[in-house]
Each structure stands twice: as structure tokens, then as C-alpha cells.
Amino acid sequence: MGRRPRDHAEYPLAPSDQNAGFLRLTIINLMEMTMHYLPHGFAVFLGGTCLATILTSAQLW
């Protein structure tokens, strides 16, 4: 027979472990948010760069 999974009531996490888990979840959520919004932000950045280049070159004529 395999080992039964740990019962979290038997083995309560120390506060430092709880903080580490929260921090890990926060970092994972930040990474997911970044990967979700990065293409949109990159497109806005590219569009703004193109617009600024066009406006600047138009003023230089």
C-alpha cells in the first residue's frame, strides 16, 4: 500500500511556510498577468513608437 497523503490538520504549516506559499502564489499570479497583458502592452508600445516616428518625420519635412 502507498503512503496516505499528509493531513494538513496533523502537520500545520509554520508561519514562514505560509508566507512562502503566499509569495510563491503571488509571483505565479504576477507572471500569469504579465504574460496575459504583455502582447497588448507591446502592441500599444509599437503603435506609439510608429506614430511618434511618423509625426516626427512629418515635422522634419
PDB file of N, CA and C in Angstrom:
ATOM      1  N   MET A   1       0.845  -1.194   0.000  1.00  0.00           N
ATOM      2  CA  MET A   1       0.000   0.000   0.000  1.00  0.00           C
ATOM      3  C   MET A   1       0.884   1.249   0.000  1.00  0.00           C
ATOM      4  N   GLY A   2       0.438   2.266  -0.721  1.00  0.00           N
ATOM      5  CA  GLY A   2       1.185   3.517  -0.751  1.00  0.00           C
ATOM      6  C   GLY A   2       0.943   4.335   0.504  1.00  0.00           C
ATOM      7  N   ARG A   3       1.791   5.320   0.660  1.00  0.00           N
ATOM      8  CA  ARG A   3       1.610   6.206   1.815  1.00  0.00           C
ATOM      9  C   ARG A   3       0.364   7.053   1.610  1.00  0.00           C
ATOM     10  N   ARG A   4      -0.341   7.306   2.703  1.00  0.00           N
ATOM     11  CA  ARG A   4      -1.506   8.173   2.567  1.00  0.00           C
ATOM     12  C   ARG A   4      -1.038   9.623   2.547  1.00  0.00           C
ATOM     13  N   PRO A   5      -1.756  10.487   1.867  1.00  0.00           N
ATOM     14  CA  PRO A   5      -1.322  11.891   1.787  1.00  0.00           C
ATOM     15  C   PRO A   5      -1.290  12.535   3.163  1.00  0.00           C
ATOM     16  N   ARG A   6      -0.426  13.516   3.303  1.00  0.00           N
ATOM     17  CA  ARG A   6      -0.294  14.203   4.584  1.00  0.00           C
ATOM     18  C   ARG A   6      -1.579  14.938   4.917  1.00  0.00           C
ATOM     19  N   ASP A   7      -1.974  14.811   6.154  1.00  0.00           N
ATOM     20  CA  ASP A   7      -3.149  15.518   6.635  1.00  0.00           C
ATOM     21  C   ASP A   7      -2.683  16.869   7.161  1.00  0.00           C
ATOM     22  N   HIS A   8      -3.195  17.937   6.576  1.00  0.00           N
ATOM     23  CA  HIS A   8      -2.719  19.262   6.965  1.00  0.00           C
ATOM     24  C   HIS A   8      -3.151  19.627   8.375  1.00  0.00           C
ATOM     25  N   ALA A   9      -4.165  18.940   8.917  1.00  0.00           N
ATOM     26  CA  ALA A   9      -4.525  19.177  10.313  1.00  0.00           C
ATOM     27  C   ALA A   9      -3.463  18.577  11.237  1.00  0.00           C
ATOM     28  N   GLU A  10      -2.854  17.470  10.806  1.00  0.00           N
ATOM     29  CA  GLU A  10      -1.803  16.866  11.619  1.00  0.00           C
ATOM     30  C   GLU A  10      -0.512  17.656  11.535  1.00  0.00           C
ATOM     31  N   TYR A  11      -0.222  18.198  10.374  1.00  0.00           N
ATOM     32  CA  TYR A  11       1.034  18.906  10.158  1.00  0.00           C
ATOM     33  C   TYR A  11       0.728  20.355   9.770  1.00  0.00           C
ATOM     34  N   PRO A  12       0.424  21.199  10.752  1.00  0.00           N
ATOM     35  CA  PRO A  12       0.143  22.597  10.392  1.00  0.00           C
ATOM     36  C   PRO A  12       1.406  23.281   9.874  1.00  0.00           C
ATOM     37  N   LEU A  13       1.234  24.154   8.923  1.00  0.00           N
ATOM     38  CA  LEU A  13       2.376  24.868   8.364  1.00  0.00           C
ATOM     39  C   LEU A  13       2.863  25.923   9.342  1.00  0.00           C
ATOM     40  N   ALA A  14       4.163  26.085   9.389  1.00  0.00           N
ATOM     41  CA  ALA A  14       4.724  27.180  10.168  1.00  0.00           C
ATOM     42  C   ALA A  14       4.382  28.498   9.469  1.00  0.00           C
ATOM     43  N   PRO A  15       4.340  29.605  10.213  1.00  0.00           N
ATOM     44  CA  PRO A  15       4.015  30.893   9.567  1.00  0.00           C
ATOM     45  C   PRO A  15       4.951  31.231   8.414  1.00  0.00           C
ATOM     46  N   SER A  16       6.248  30.864   8.543  1.00  0.00           N
ATOM     47  CA  SER A  16       7.176  31.162   7.451  1.00  0.00           C
ATOM     48  C   SER A  16       6.798  30.373   6.199  1.00  0.00           C
ATOM     49  N   ASP A  17       6.349  29.121   6.376  1.00  0.00           N
ATOM     50  CA  ASP A  17       5.918  28.326   5.228  1.00  0.00           C
ATOM     51  C   ASP A  17       4.672  28.929   4.588  1.00  0.00           C
ATOM     52  N   GLN A  18       3.778  29.435   5.420  1.00  0.00           N
ATOM     53  CA  GLN A  18       2.574  30.057   4.867  1.00  0.00           C
ATOM     54  C   GLN A  18       2.947  31.296   4.057  1.00  0.00           C
ATOM     55  N   ASN A  19       3.882  32.089   4.593  1.00  0.00           N
ATOM     56  CA  ASN A  19       4.296  33.284   3.863  1.00  0.00           C
ATOM     57  C   ASN A  19       4.989  32.910   2.560  1.00  0.00           C
ATOM     58  N   ALA A  20       5.806  31.862   2.591  1.00  0.00           N
ATOM     59  CA  ALA A  20       6.496  31.438   1.374  1.00  0.00           C
ATOM     60  C   ALA A  20       5.488  30.968   0.331  1.00  0.00           C
ATOM     61  N   GLY A  21       4.465  30.232   0.768  1.00  0.00           N
ATOM     62  CA  GLY A  21       3.448  29.792  -0.177  1.00  0.00           C
ATOM     63  C   GLY A  21       2.684  30.956  -0.760  1.00  0.00           C
ATOM     64  N   PHE A  22       2.356  31.937   0.074  1.00  0.00           N
ATOM     65  CA  PHE A  22       1.645  33.116  -0.419  1.00  0.00           C
ATOM     66  C   PHE A  22       2.503  33.876  -1.416  1.00  0.00           C
ATOM     67  N   LEU A  23       3.795  34.018  -1.097  1.00  0.00           N
ATOM     68  CA  LEU A  23       4.689  34.739  -2.000  1.00  0.00           C
ATOM     69  C   LEU A  23       4.815  34.003  -3.326  1.00  0.00           C
ATOM     70  N   ARG A  24       4.905  32.662  -3.255  1.00  0.00           N
ATOM     71  CA  ARG A  24       5.022  31.882  -4.488  1.00  0.00           C
ATOM     72  C   ARG A  24       3.767  32.055  -5.339  1.00  0.00           C
ATOM     73  N   LEU A  25       2.594  32.013  -4.708  1.00  0.00           N
ATOM     74  CA  LEU A  25       1.349  32.213  -5.453  1.00  0.00           C
ATOM     75  C   LEU A  25       1.298  33.607  -6.052  1.00  0.00           C
ATOM     76  N   THR A  26       1.751  34.603  -5.293  1.00  0.00           N
ATOM     77  CA  THR A  26       1.739  35.975  -5.798  1.00  0.00           C
ATOM     78  C   THR A  26       2.640  36.103  -7.017  1.00  0.00           C
ATOM     79  N   ILE A  27       3.822  35.495  -6.950  1.00  0.00           N
ATOM     80  CA  ILE A  27       4.747  35.568  -8.084  1.00  0.00           C
ATOM     81  C   ILE A  27       4.149  34.866  -9.298  1.00  0.00           C
ATOM     82  N   ILE A  28       3.515  33.707  -9.078  1.00  0.00           N
ATOM     83  CA  ILE A  28       2.904  32.987 -10.197  1.00  0.00           C
ATOM     84  C   ILE A  28       1.776  33.820 -10.802  1.00  0.00           C
ATOM     85  N   ASN A  29       0.958  34.449  -9.941  1.00  0.00           N
ATOM     86  CA  ASN A  29      -0.123  35.290 -10.456  1.00  0.00           C
ATOM     87  C   ASN A  29       0.437  36.467 -11.231  1.00  0.00           C
ATOM     88  N   LEU A  30       1.511  37.079 -10.741  1.00  0.00           N
ATOM     89  CA  LEU A  30       2.123  38.198 -11.460  1.00  0.00           C
ATOM     90  C   LEU A  30       2.642  37.739 -12.819  1.00  0.00           C
ATOM     91  N   MET A  31       3.242  36.554 -12.869  1.00  0.00           N
ATOM     92  CA  MET A  31       3.742  36.048 -14.145  1.00  0.00           C
ATOM     93  C   MET A  31       2.590  35.797 -15.113  1.00  0.00           C
ATOM     94  N   GLU A  32       1.490  35.220 -14.595  1.00  0.00           N
ATOM     95  CA  GLU A  32       0.349  34.967 -15.477  1.00  0.00           C
ATOM     96  C   GLU A  32      -0.248  36.277 -15.979  1.00  0.00           C
ATOM     97  N   MET A  33      -0.369  37.270 -15.104  1.00  0.00           N
ATOM     98  CA  MET A  33      -0.905  38.566 -15.522  1.00  0.00           C
ATOM     99  C   MET A  33       0.011  39.199 -16.571  1.00  0.00           C
ATOM    100  N   THR A  34       1.336  39.110 -16.317  1.00  0.00           N
ATOM    101  CA  THR A  34       2.286  39.703 -17.265  1.00  0.00           C
ATOM    102  C   THR A  34       2.175  39.030 -18.624  1.00  0.00           C
ATOM    103  N   MET A  35       2.137  37.705 -18.639  1.00  0.00           N
ATOM    104  CA  MET A  35       2.059  37.003 -19.916  1.00  0.00           C
ATOM    105  C   MET A  35       0.714  37.243 -20.599  1.00  0.00           C
ATOM    106  N   HIS A  36      -0.312  37.535 -19.805  1.00  0.00           N
ATOM    107  CA  HIS A  36      -1.625  37.792 -20.400  1.00  0.00           C
ATOM    108  C   HIS A  36      -1.666  39.178 -21.035  1.00  0.00           C
ATOM    109  N   TYR A  37      -1.105  40.183 -20.364  1.00  0.00           N
ATOM    110  CA  TYR A  37      -1.216  41.555 -20.850  1.00  0.00           C
ATOM    111  C   TYR A  37      -0.008  42.012 -21.648  1.00  0.00           C
ATOM    112  N   LEU A  38       1.059  41.215 -21.673  1.00  0.00           N
ATOM    113  CA  LEU A  38       2.273  41.639 -22.370  1.00  0.00           C
ATOM    114  C   LEU A  38       2.044  41.879 -23.859  1.00  0.00           C
ATOM    115  N   PRO A  39       1.356  41.005 -24.601  1.00  0.00           N
ATOM    116  CA  PRO A  39       1.159  41.278 -26.032  1.00  0.00           C
ATOM    117  C   PRO A  39       0.420  42.585 -26.277  1.00  0.00           C
ATOM    118  N   HIS A  40      -0.602  42.878 -25.460  1.00  0.00           N
ATOM    119  CA  HIS A  40      -1.349  44.120 -25.642  1.00  0.00           C
ATOM    120  C   HIS A  40      -0.456  45.324 -25.362  1.00  0.00           C
ATOM    121  N   GLY A  41       0.301  45.264 -24.277  1.00  0.00           N
ATOM    122  CA  GLY A  41       1.206  46.363 -23.963  1.00  0.00           C
ATOM    123  C   GLY A  41       2.266  46.538 -25.036  1.00  0.00           C
ATOM    124  N   PHE A  42       2.765  45.432 -25.570  1.00  0.00           N
ATOM    125  CA  PHE A  42       3.779  45.512 -26.622  1.00  0.00           C
ATOM    126  C   PHE A  42       3.188  46.126 -27.886  1.00  0.00           C
ATOM    127  N   ALA A  43       1.936  45.773 -28.209  1.00  0.00           N
ATOM    128  CA  ALA A  43       1.287  46.343 -29.390  1.00  0.00           C
ATOM    129  C   ALA A  43       1.080  47.843 -29.215  1.00  0.00           C
ATOM    130  N   VAL A  44       0.658  48.265 -28.024  1.00  0.00           N
ATOM    131  CA  VAL A  44       0.479  49.699 -27.768  1.00  0.00           C
ATOM    132  C   VAL A  44       1.822  50.414 -27.874  1.00  0.00           C
ATOM    133  N   PHE A  45       2.874  49.799 -27.335  1.00  0.00           N
ATOM    134  CA  PHE A  45       4.206  50.399 -27.412  1.00  0.00           C
ATOM    135  C   PHE A  45       4.658  50.537 -28.865  1.00  0.00           C
ATOM    136  N   LEU A  46       4.467  49.480 -29.664  1.00  0.00           N
ATOM    137  CA  LEU A  46       4.860  49.541 -31.073  1.00  0.00           C
ATOM    138  C   LEU A  46       4.053  50.593 -31.819  1.00  0.00           C
ATOM    139  N   GLY A  47       2.737  50.624 -31.556  1.00  0.00           N
ATOM    140  CA  GLY A  47       1.899  51.619 -32.220  1.00  0.00           C
ATOM    141  C   GLY A  47       2.309  53.033 -31.858  1.00  0.00           C
ATOM    142  N   GLY A  48       2.593  53.266 -30.591  1.00  0.00           N
ATOM    143  CA  GLY A  48       3.028  54.599 -30.168  1.00  0.00           C
ATOM    144  C   GLY A  48       4.359  54.974 -30.785  1.00  0.00           C
ATOM    145  N   THR A  49       5.268  54.002 -30.881  1.00  0.00           N
ATOM    146  CA  THR A  49       6.569  54.274 -31.499  1.00  0.00           C
ATOM    147  C   THR A  49       6.408  54.632 -32.970  1.00  0.00           C
ATOM    148  N   CYS A  50       5.587  53.871 -33.683  1.00  0.00           N
ATOM    149  CA  CYS A  50       5.345  54.161 -35.100  1.00  0.00           C
ATOM    150  C   CYS A  50       4.703  55.534 -35.260  1.00  0.00           C
ATOM    151  N   LEU A  51       3.719  55.829 -34.427  1.00  0.00           N
ATOM    152  CA  LEU A  51       3.036  57.119 -34.519  1.00  0.00           C
ATOM    153  C   LEU A  51       4.009  58.259 -34.245  1.00  0.00           C
ATOM    154  N   ALA A  52       4.844  58.117 -33.224  1.00  0.00           N
ATOM    155  CA  ALA A  52       5.819  59.160 -32.911  1.00  0.00           C
ATOM    156  C   ALA A  52       6.814  59.327 -34.049  1.00  0.00           C
ATOM    157  N   THR A  53       7.236  58.221 -34.653  1.00  0.00           N
ATOM    158  CA  THR A  53       8.179  58.305 -35.777  1.00  0.00           C
ATOM    159  C   THR A  53       7.548  59.024 -36.957  1.00  0.00           C
ATOM    160  N   ILE A  54       6.296  58.679 -37.268  1.00  0.00           N
ATOM    161  CA  ILE A  54       5.607  59.311 -38.397  1.00  0.00           C
ATOM    162  C   ILE A  54       5.418  60.804 -38.143  1.00  0.00           C
ATOM    163  N   LEU A  55       4.972  61.153 -36.927  1.00  0.00           N
ATOM    164  CA  LEU A  55       4.761  62.568 -36.619  1.00  0.00           C
ATOM    165  C   LEU A  55       6.074  63.336 -36.653  1.00  0.00           C
ATOM    166  N   THR A  56       7.142  62.739 -36.129  1.00  0.00           N
ATOM    167  CA  THR A  56       8.438  63.415 -36.129  1.00  0.00           C
ATOM    168  C   THR A  56       8.940  63.615 -37.554  1.00  0.00           C
ATOM    169  N   SER A  57       8.829  62.580 -38.381  1.00  0.00           N
ATOM    170  CA  SER A  57       9.309  62.714 -39.753  1.00  0.00           C
ATOM    171  C   SER A  57       8.444  63.704 -40.527  1.00  0.00           C
ATOM    172  N   ALA A  58       7.155  63.777 -40.206  1.00  0.00           N
ATOM    173  CA  ALA A  58       6.293  64.739 -40.887  1.00  0.00           C
ATOM    174  C   ALA A  58       6.677  66.162 -40.504  1.00  0.00           C
ATOM    175  N   GLN A  59       7.116  66.369 -39.275  1.00  0.00           N
ATOM    176  CA  GLN A  59       7.505  67.716 -38.862  1.00  0.00           C
ATOM    177  C   GLN A  59       8.865  68.091 -39.429  1.00  0.00           C
ATOM    178  N   LEU A  60       9.680  67.100 -39.774  1.00  0.00           N
ATOM    179  CA  LEU A  60      11.007  67.399 -40.306  1.00  0.00           C
ATOM    180  C   LEU A  60      10.957  67.782 -41.783  1.00  0.00           C
ATOM    181  N   TRP A  61       9.849  67.494 -42.454  1.00  0.00           N
ATOM    182  CA  TRP A  61       9.757  67.838 -43.872  1.00  0.00           C
ATOM    183  C   TRP A  61       9.685  69.348 -44.039  1.00  0.00           C
TER     184      TRP A  61
END
